[in-house]
């Protein structure tokens, strides 16, 4: 099999992994090395850096041969699919060749379990060593740490990559036992703990020694599959909160399950991927990371799933109307963040602007507030916006209508299938 055929197979096999952003690390140009991390070809995917730039990564698997039989995975050992494996030299040559042609700015490398986790990781390490040391590649590398890999190999991988990730895949241990019997919760969480501890140790050493080796400076992330099991949004969100708190993850990614195999334990192949549910979970994740919310505030036992008709912040506000309306001239920053239509940037602008002027509703739009949502939850000088009429019953409908108008066309069409919540 020639290299182009391998690339076609292994780039296609990598498309289901969503956790491929580039962020949190800066490595400047160094003499004698190629590339840095501050600066429609098979395998290339668009990603986003910490400063918001859209960049391109070569996104491939080292191999789609896998010893595991995870029922939801297209690369499982019992599936009849074309197989291919890069040699470490082939992968390094491909990456550096793409970089020199300005096709990519970095590498996202994952793999099926070739023989066993240790052997697979050894092959990944060899490829990255050729890139870093033989070719002097100084660009961004995101590598997957495979559950079950020896701690020593995870440490070596972390010294070569900018970011590591360990995919949890299924939100519950019960789901793992049912659909991925070769994996276990303990095997997944162990490398997460190791990466967290090694990264903290590396940062401490860099304070003392300027040229100390850096371990996964962009941190770690993970991915959860949404819709393959019956886990509720509440369960997924609580798991997300725990991962952020315990393992200091940079990101948790959510991937709507795409039915690629037929199995009685999985949704039927005719089932559409729950893209809208994935979208709501990403919005809720944003609230956890940047808005000061906790998972237990957003969903409870009586409401285990988000209303697909509303974004999670509006959904929360409708269940806590006793906290509204908020007076724009007196509310503190944390309170402003909880108002639908106000984000961190507009909240900071409001706090700054009101020191020198009396804010009106017309001013809020200039400060970046989405008044279509915020107008229902704010007062200026103790008064609601002129001409605004609503009741608790109609407020729900009005927010749903606004949501339909602001979603992309395909998501709005999917949203309309749910009907009106009244």
Protein backbone atom coordinates (compact mmCIF):
# COMPACT_ATOMS: atom_id res chain seq x y z
CA UNK A 1 0.00 0.00 0.00
CA UNK A 2 1.46 3.38 -0.96
CA UNK A 3 1.62 6.38 1.35
CA UNK A 4 -1.31 8.22 -0.24
CA UNK A 5 -3.61 5.22 0.25
CA UNK A 6 -2.55 4.99 3.89
CA UNK A 7 -3.19 8.70 4.36
CA UNK A 8 -6.67 8.42 2.84
CA UNK A 9 -7.63 5.52 5.14
CA UNK A 10 -6.07 6.87 8.34
CA UNK A 11 -7.28 10.45 7.94
CA UNK A 12 -10.82 9.22 7.34
CA UNK A 13 -10.58 6.96 10.41
CA UNK A 14 -9.56 9.97 12.54
CA UNK A 15 -12.55 12.16 11.64
CA UNK A 16 -14.69 11.01 14.60
CA UNK A 17 -12.28 12.49 17.14
CA UNK A 18 -13.41 16.05 17.90
CA UNK A 19 -10.80 16.91 20.55
CA UNK A 20 -8.25 18.60 18.31
CA UNK A 21 -8.01 22.27 19.24
CA UNK A 22 -4.65 23.95 19.62
CA UNK A 23 -4.36 26.25 22.60
CA UNK A 24 -2.47 27.23 25.71
CA UNK A 25 1.15 27.05 24.51
CA UNK A 26 3.64 29.37 22.83
CA UNK A 27 6.95 28.22 21.42
CA UNK A 28 8.90 30.84 19.51
CA UNK A 29 11.10 30.25 16.52
CA UNK A 30 14.48 28.73 17.37
CA UNK A 31 17.54 28.76 15.08
CA UNK A 32 18.03 25.42 13.37
CA UNK A 33 14.42 24.32 13.95
CA UNK A 34 11.32 24.40 11.80
CA UNK A 35 8.08 26.14 12.84
CA UNK A 36 6.61 27.53 16.04
CA UNK A 37 3.33 27.31 17.88
CA UNK A 38 2.41 30.99 17.80
CA UNK A 39 2.05 31.47 14.34
CA UNK A 40 -8.48 20.55 1.04
CA UNK A 41 -5.90 18.00 1.51
CA UNK A 42 -6.67 14.56 3.01
CA UNK A 43 -6.06 14.59 6.75
CA UNK A 44 -6.04 18.37 7.25
CA UNK A 45 -8.60 19.79 9.68
CA UNK A 46 -9.33 23.31 10.86
CA UNK A 47 -8.80 24.08 14.50
CA UNK A 48 -8.52 27.17 16.71
CA UNK A 49 -5.63 28.45 18.77
CA UNK A 50 -5.82 30.20 22.15
CA UNK A 51 -5.83 33.64 20.51
CA UNK A 52 -8.76 32.71 18.23
CA UNK A 53 -6.84 32.08 15.01
CA UNK A 54 -8.06 29.35 12.69
CA UNK A 55 -5.20 26.96 12.02
CA UNK A 56 -4.78 23.69 10.17
CA UNK A 57 -3.63 20.42 11.70
CA UNK A 58 -2.73 17.15 10.07
CA UNK A 59 -5.25 14.88 11.79
CA UNK A 60 -4.47 11.18 11.37
CA UNK A 61 -4.23 7.87 13.16
CA UNK A 62 -0.92 6.06 13.40
CA UNK A 63 -2.96 2.91 12.74
CA UNK A 64 -6.59 1.92 12.48
CA UNK A 65 -5.74 -1.67 13.37
CA UNK A 66 -7.13 -2.22 16.86
CA UNK A 67 -7.01 -5.07 19.35
CA UNK A 68 -10.14 -3.75 21.11
CA UNK A 69 -13.76 -4.41 20.22
CA UNK A 70 -15.55 -1.21 21.28
CA UNK A 71 -19.04 -1.62 19.79
CA UNK A 72 -19.47 2.08 18.89
CA UNK A 73 -16.14 2.38 17.04
CA UNK A 74 -15.70 1.96 13.30
CA UNK A 75 -12.15 0.72 13.90
CA UNK A 76 -13.08 -2.10 16.27
CA UNK A 77 -11.32 -5.40 15.60
CA UNK A 78 -14.46 -7.22 14.41
CA UNK A 79 -15.42 -4.60 11.82
CA UNK A 80 -14.68 -5.31 8.18
CA UNK A 81 -12.88 -2.15 7.11
CA UNK A 82 -9.66 -1.41 5.18
CA UNK A 83 -6.68 -1.35 7.55
CA UNK A 84 -3.45 0.62 7.37
CA UNK A 85 -0.52 1.53 9.61
CA UNK A 86 2.12 4.24 9.22
CA UNK A 87 5.69 3.48 10.13
CA UNK A 88 7.13 6.17 12.46
CA UNK A 89 9.35 7.40 9.60
CA UNK A 90 6.44 7.60 7.16
CA UNK A 91 4.36 9.65 9.58
CA UNK A 92 7.23 12.01 10.37
CA UNK A 93 8.06 12.48 6.66
CA UNK A 94 4.41 13.14 5.84
CA UNK A 95 4.06 15.74 8.60
CA UNK A 96 7.24 17.63 7.79
CA UNK A 97 6.42 17.50 4.07
CA UNK A 98 2.98 19.01 4.63
CA UNK A 99 4.46 21.66 6.91
CA UNK A 100 7.11 22.71 4.40
CA UNK A 101 4.38 23.11 1.77
CA UNK A 102 2.44 25.33 4.19
CA UNK A 103 -0.51 22.92 4.28
CA UNK A 104 -0.51 22.55 8.07
CA UNK A 105 0.65 24.23 11.27
CA UNK A 106 0.73 21.17 13.50
CA UNK A 107 -0.10 17.51 14.05
CA UNK A 108 -3.00 15.78 15.79
CA UNK A 109 -2.00 12.16 16.33
CA UNK A 110 -4.15 9.33 17.65
CA UNK A 111 -4.22 5.60 17.01
CA UNK A 112 -6.06 2.35 17.37
CA UNK A 113 -4.54 -0.09 19.86
CA UNK A 114 -1.92 -1.80 17.74
CA UNK A 115 -1.02 -5.05 19.58
CA UNK A 116 -1.25 -3.37 23.01
CA UNK A 117 -1.20 0.17 24.48
CA UNK A 118 2.55 0.14 25.23
CA UNK A 119 3.57 -0.95 21.74
CA UNK A 120 1.29 1.64 20.15
CA UNK A 121 2.66 4.43 22.35
CA UNK A 122 6.23 3.38 21.59
CA UNK A 123 5.51 3.76 17.87
CA UNK A 124 3.98 7.20 18.44
CA UNK A 125 7.01 8.26 20.50
CA UNK A 126 9.38 7.13 17.74
CA UNK A 127 7.49 9.18 15.16
CA UNK A 128 7.50 12.29 17.35
CA UNK A 129 11.19 11.89 18.17
CA UNK A 130 12.03 11.83 14.46
CA UNK A 131 9.96 14.99 14.04
CA UNK A 132 11.37 16.85 17.02
CA UNK A 133 15.03 15.75 16.95
CA UNK A 134 15.88 14.61 13.43
CA UNK A 135 13.81 17.22 11.57
CA UNK A 136 13.83 19.91 14.28
CA UNK A 137 10.04 20.35 14.09
CA UNK A 138 9.06 23.07 16.53
CA UNK A 139 5.35 23.26 15.69
CA UNK A 140 2.28 22.16 17.62
CA UNK A 141 1.68 18.47 18.40
CA UNK A 142 -1.39 17.02 20.09
CA UNK A 143 -1.07 13.32 20.94
CA UNK A 144 -3.50 10.79 22.39
CA UNK A 145 -2.43 8.94 25.52
CA UNK A 146 -3.92 5.45 25.28
CA UNK A 147 -5.54 4.06 28.46
CA UNK A 148 -3.45 1.23 29.88
CA UNK A 149 -0.11 2.67 28.75
CA UNK A 150 2.80 2.42 31.19
CA UNK A 151 3.42 5.66 33.15
CA UNK A 152 7.00 5.85 31.85
CA UNK A 153 5.79 5.94 28.24
CA UNK A 154 3.12 8.55 29.01
CA UNK A 155 5.86 10.73 30.51
CA UNK A 156 8.01 10.36 27.37
CA UNK A 157 5.03 11.21 25.17
CA UNK A 158 4.25 14.31 27.22
CA UNK A 159 7.79 15.64 26.76
CA UNK A 160 7.36 15.46 22.98
CA UNK A 161 3.78 16.75 22.64
CA UNK A 162 2.25 20.12 23.47
CA UNK A 163 -1.08 18.66 24.52
CA UNK A 164 -2.14 15.19 25.62
CA UNK A 165 -5.64 13.81 25.77
CA UNK A 166 -7.18 10.64 27.12
CA UNK A 167 -10.63 9.99 25.66
CA UNK A 168 -13.23 8.80 28.15
CA UNK A 169 -15.65 8.20 25.26
CA UNK A 170 -18.61 6.87 27.29
CA UNK A 171 -19.89 8.91 30.27
CA UNK A 172 -20.58 5.99 32.64
CA UNK A 173 -18.70 2.92 33.82
CA UNK A 174 -21.80 0.87 33.04
CA UNK A 175 -21.64 2.03 29.43
CA UNK A 176 -17.97 1.10 29.22
CA UNK A 177 -18.63 -2.41 30.50
CA UNK A 178 -21.45 -2.86 28.02
CA UNK A 179 -19.95 -1.32 24.86
CA UNK A 180 -16.18 -1.25 25.50
CA UNK A 181 -15.32 -4.27 27.68
CA UNK A 182 -11.58 -3.90 27.01
CA UNK A 183 -11.54 -0.51 28.71
CA UNK A 184 -12.12 0.44 32.33
CA UNK A 185 -12.72 3.64 34.26
CA UNK A 186 -9.54 3.09 36.27
CA UNK A 187 -7.38 2.60 33.16
CA UNK A 188 -8.72 5.86 31.70
CA UNK A 189 -8.40 8.00 34.82
CA UNK A 190 -4.92 6.79 35.79
CA UNK A 191 -3.09 8.54 32.91
CA UNK A 192 -5.21 11.64 33.52
CA UNK A 193 -3.86 11.82 37.06
CA UNK A 194 -0.33 11.24 35.83
CA UNK A 195 -0.57 13.98 33.19
CA UNK A 196 -1.99 16.42 35.77
CA UNK A 197 0.80 15.70 38.27
CA UNK A 198 3.60 15.73 35.70
CA UNK A 199 2.39 19.02 34.22
CA UNK A 200 2.30 20.63 37.68
CA UNK A 201 5.79 19.33 38.45
CA UNK A 202 7.08 20.60 35.11
CA UNK A 203 5.72 24.10 35.76
CA UNK A 204 7.38 24.16 39.17
CA UNK A 205 10.72 23.12 37.67
CA UNK A 206 10.47 25.76 34.94
CA UNK A 207 10.20 28.43 37.64
CA UNK A 208 13.53 27.27 39.09
CA UNK A 209 15.31 26.21 35.91
CA UNK A 210 14.71 28.17 32.72
CA UNK A 211 15.71 25.35 30.38
CA UNK A 212 13.95 22.50 32.18
CA UNK A 213 11.98 20.23 29.80
CA UNK A 214 8.31 21.17 29.46
CA UNK A 215 5.67 18.47 29.90
CA UNK A 216 2.47 18.91 27.85
CA UNK A 217 2.49 22.71 28.27
CA UNK A 218 -0.97 23.03 26.65
CA UNK A 219 -2.48 20.68 29.26
CA UNK A 220 -4.87 17.84 28.60
CA UNK A 221 -8.37 17.33 27.22
CA UNK A 222 -10.86 14.51 26.70
CA UNK A 223 -13.88 13.57 24.61
CA UNK A 224 -17.32 12.22 25.50
CA UNK A 225 -19.66 10.52 23.03
CA UNK A 226 -23.22 11.83 23.34
CA UNK A 227 -26.15 9.62 22.43
CA UNK A 228 -24.57 6.16 22.28
CA UNK A 229 -25.91 5.37 25.78
CA UNK A 230 -28.88 6.54 27.85
CA UNK A 231 -26.84 8.85 30.10
CA UNK A 232 -28.66 12.10 30.84
CA UNK A 233 -27.31 15.61 30.27
CA UNK A 234 -27.14 15.96 34.05
CA UNK A 235 -24.86 12.93 34.36
CA UNK A 236 -22.61 14.17 31.54
CA UNK A 237 -22.42 17.67 33.00
CA UNK A 238 -21.58 16.43 36.50
CA UNK A 239 -18.83 14.26 35.01
CA UNK A 240 -17.53 17.28 33.13
CA UNK A 241 -17.47 19.38 36.29
CA UNK A 242 -15.61 16.63 38.13
CA UNK A 243 -13.02 16.35 35.35
CA UNK A 244 -12.35 20.09 35.42
CA UNK A 245 -12.08 20.14 39.20
CA UNK A 246 -10.06 16.96 39.70
CA UNK A 247 -7.83 16.68 36.64
CA UNK A 248 -7.55 20.35 35.62
CA UNK A 249 -8.56 19.64 32.05
CA UNK A 250 -8.38 22.44 29.52
CA UNK A 251 -11.36 21.21 27.54
CA UNK A 252 -14.00 18.52 27.48
CA UNK A 253 -15.24 17.84 23.97
CA UNK A 254 -18.64 16.36 23.12
CA UNK A 255 -19.18 14.24 20.02
CA UNK A 256 -22.70 13.40 18.87
CA UNK A 257 -22.79 9.66 18.22
CA UNK A 258 -22.83 8.86 14.53
CA UNK A 259 -24.33 5.38 13.90
CA UNK A 260 -21.55 3.76 11.89
CA UNK A 261 -22.26 0.16 12.91
CA UNK A 262 -25.37 -1.93 13.42
CA UNK A 263 -25.68 -3.32 16.93
CA UNK A 264 -28.65 -4.06 19.21
CA UNK A 265 -26.86 -2.22 22.05
CA UNK A 266 -26.61 0.99 20.02
CA UNK A 267 -29.07 3.38 18.34
CA UNK A 268 -30.21 2.12 14.93
CA UNK A 269 -28.25 3.22 11.85
CA UNK A 270 -31.27 5.30 10.79
CA UNK A 271 -31.02 7.46 13.92
CA UNK A 272 -29.80 10.99 13.26
CA UNK A 273 -26.81 12.18 15.32
CA UNK A 274 -27.99 14.31 18.29
CA UNK A 275 -26.25 17.44 17.01
CA UNK A 276 -28.55 19.85 18.84
CA UNK A 277 -27.95 18.05 22.13
CA UNK A 278 -24.20 18.26 21.51
CA UNK A 279 -24.63 22.00 20.86
CA UNK A 280 -26.46 22.51 24.18
CA UNK A 281 -23.77 20.62 26.09
CA UNK A 282 -21.08 22.83 24.58
CA UNK A 283 -23.07 25.90 25.65
CA UNK A 284 -23.39 24.49 29.18
CA UNK A 285 -19.69 23.67 29.23
CA UNK A 286 -19.00 27.32 28.40
CA UNK A 287 -21.10 28.35 31.41
CA UNK A 288 -19.00 26.11 33.66
CA UNK A 289 -15.70 27.42 32.34
CA UNK A 290 -16.33 31.14 31.94
CA UNK A 291 -19.56 32.16 33.66
CA UNK A 292 -19.14 30.80 37.19
CA UNK A 293 -21.94 28.23 37.00
CA UNK A 294 -21.77 24.79 38.61
CA UNK A 295 -23.25 21.64 37.13
CA UNK A 296 -25.69 21.23 40.02
CA UNK A 297 -27.16 24.67 39.30
CA UNK A 298 -27.99 23.96 35.67
CA UNK A 299 -29.77 20.60 35.99
CA UNK A 300 -31.32 18.59 38.83
CA UNK A 301 -33.09 15.28 39.37
CA UNK A 302 -36.44 16.78 38.29
CA UNK A 303 -34.86 18.26 35.14
CA UNK A 304 -32.10 15.81 34.06
CA UNK A 305 -31.92 17.04 30.45
CA UNK A 306 -31.75 20.45 28.79
CA UNK A 307 -34.73 21.79 26.88
CA UNK A 308 -33.58 21.65 23.24
CA UNK A 309 -35.71 24.71 22.54
CA UNK A 310 -33.60 26.98 24.76
CA UNK A 311 -29.93 27.64 25.36
CA UNK A 312 -28.84 26.49 28.87
CA UNK A 313 -28.49 30.01 30.26
CA UNK A 314 -32.05 30.97 29.32
CA UNK A 315 -33.21 27.59 30.58
CA UNK A 316 -31.60 28.30 33.96
CA UNK A 317 -32.97 31.86 34.10
CA UNK A 318 -36.55 30.68 33.46
CA UNK A 319 -36.24 28.36 36.47
CA UNK A 320 -34.85 31.17 38.65
CA UNK A 321 -37.06 34.14 37.82
CA UNK A 322 -36.96 35.17 41.49
CA UNK A 323 -33.42 36.49 40.81
CA UNK A 324 -34.60 38.82 38.03
CA UNK A 325 -34.84 41.51 36.82
CA UNK A 326 -31.32 42.79 37.54
CA UNK A 327 -30.63 46.52 37.81
CA UNK A 328 -27.88 47.33 35.33
CA UNK A 329 -26.37 50.16 37.39
CA UNK A 330 -25.91 48.18 40.60
CA UNK A 331 -25.46 44.48 39.80
CA UNK A 332 -21.94 43.14 40.37
CA UNK A 333 -19.92 41.42 37.66
CA UNK A 334 -20.83 37.87 38.76
CA UNK A 335 -24.55 38.72 38.73
CA UNK A 336 -24.32 40.31 35.28
CA UNK A 337 -22.74 37.12 33.94
CA UNK A 338 -25.91 35.23 34.82
CA UNK A 339 -28.14 37.44 32.72
CA UNK A 340 -28.99 35.84 29.34
CA UNK A 341 -27.48 37.93 26.56
CA UNK A 342 -24.55 39.20 28.66
CA UNK A 343 -21.12 37.58 28.33
CA UNK A 344 -17.78 38.20 30.07
CA UNK A 345 -16.72 40.94 27.62
CA UNK A 346 -20.00 42.88 27.74
CA UNK A 347 -20.18 42.46 31.55
CA UNK A 348 -16.73 44.02 31.94
CA UNK A 349 -17.71 46.86 29.60
CA UNK A 350 -20.85 47.53 31.63
CA UNK A 351 -18.94 47.66 34.93
CA UNK A 352 -16.41 50.04 33.38
CA UNK A 353 -18.89 52.28 31.52
CA UNK A 354 -21.30 52.82 34.41
CA UNK A 355 -18.55 54.46 36.49
CA UNK A 356 -18.76 57.53 34.29
CA UNK A 357 -22.23 57.47 32.73
CA UNK A 358 -25.80 56.46 33.34
CA UNK A 359 -26.54 53.46 31.14
CA UNK A 360 -29.71 53.14 29.07
CA UNK A 361 -31.00 50.20 27.05
CA UNK A 362 -29.75 51.89 23.87
CA UNK A 363 -26.23 51.97 25.35
CA UNK A 364 -26.21 48.28 26.22
CA UNK A 365 -26.39 47.19 22.59
CA UNK A 366 -23.28 49.23 21.85
CA UNK A 367 -21.50 47.43 24.70
CA UNK A 368 -22.16 44.04 23.11
CA UNK A 369 -25.26 42.97 25.06
CA UNK A 370 -27.69 40.77 23.12
CA UNK A 371 -30.80 42.76 23.98
CA UNK A 372 -33.17 40.28 22.33
CA UNK A 373 -32.53 38.02 25.33
CA UNK A 374 -31.27 40.40 28.01
CA UNK A 375 -34.21 42.85 27.84
CA UNK A 376 -36.45 40.42 29.72
CA UNK A 377 -34.05 40.18 32.67
CA UNK A 378 -32.76 43.75 33.06
CA UNK A 379 -33.92 47.12 34.33
CA UNK A 380 -32.39 50.55 33.77
CA UNK A 381 -33.17 53.00 36.57
CA UNK A 382 -35.65 50.47 37.92
CA UNK A 383 -37.67 50.30 34.69
CA UNK A 384 -38.07 47.64 32.03
CA UNK A 385 -37.51 48.50 28.39
CA UNK A 386 -40.24 50.73 26.95
CA UNK A 387 -42.98 48.81 25.17
CA UNK A 388 -41.87 45.41 26.48
CA UNK A 389 -44.82 43.17 27.27
CA UNK A 390 -44.61 39.60 28.54
CA UNK A 391 -45.79 37.22 31.21
CA UNK A 392 -44.15 34.14 32.69
CA UNK A 393 -46.06 32.00 30.17
CA UNK A 394 -45.32 34.09 27.10
CA UNK A 395 -41.67 34.65 28.12
CA UNK A 396 -40.92 31.00 27.45
CA UNK A 397 -42.42 31.23 23.95
CA UNK A 398 -40.65 34.49 23.12
CA UNK A 399 -37.24 33.08 24.10
CA UNK A 400 -37.88 29.97 22.02
CA UNK A 401 -38.72 32.15 19.02
CA UNK A 402 -35.52 34.15 19.48
CA UNK A 403 -33.52 30.93 19.70
CA UNK A 404 -34.92 29.63 16.44
CA UNK A 405 -33.98 32.85 14.70
CA UNK A 406 -30.34 32.77 15.89
CA UNK A 407 -29.52 29.12 15.17
CA UNK A 408 -27.97 28.08 11.85
CA UNK A 409 -30.58 26.92 9.33
CA UNK A 410 -29.92 23.19 9.79
CA UNK A 411 -30.08 23.44 13.60
CA UNK A 412 -33.21 25.61 13.46
CA UNK A 413 -34.88 22.99 11.28
CA UNK A 414 -33.90 20.27 13.74
CA UNK A 415 -35.20 22.45 16.59
CA UNK A 416 -38.60 22.85 14.94
CA UNK A 417 -39.05 19.07 15.06
CA UNK A 418 -39.39 19.28 18.83
CA UNK A 419 -42.49 21.47 18.60
CA UNK A 420 -43.36 24.11 21.19
CA UNK A 421 -42.90 23.59 24.90
CA UNK A 422 -45.68 26.12 25.62
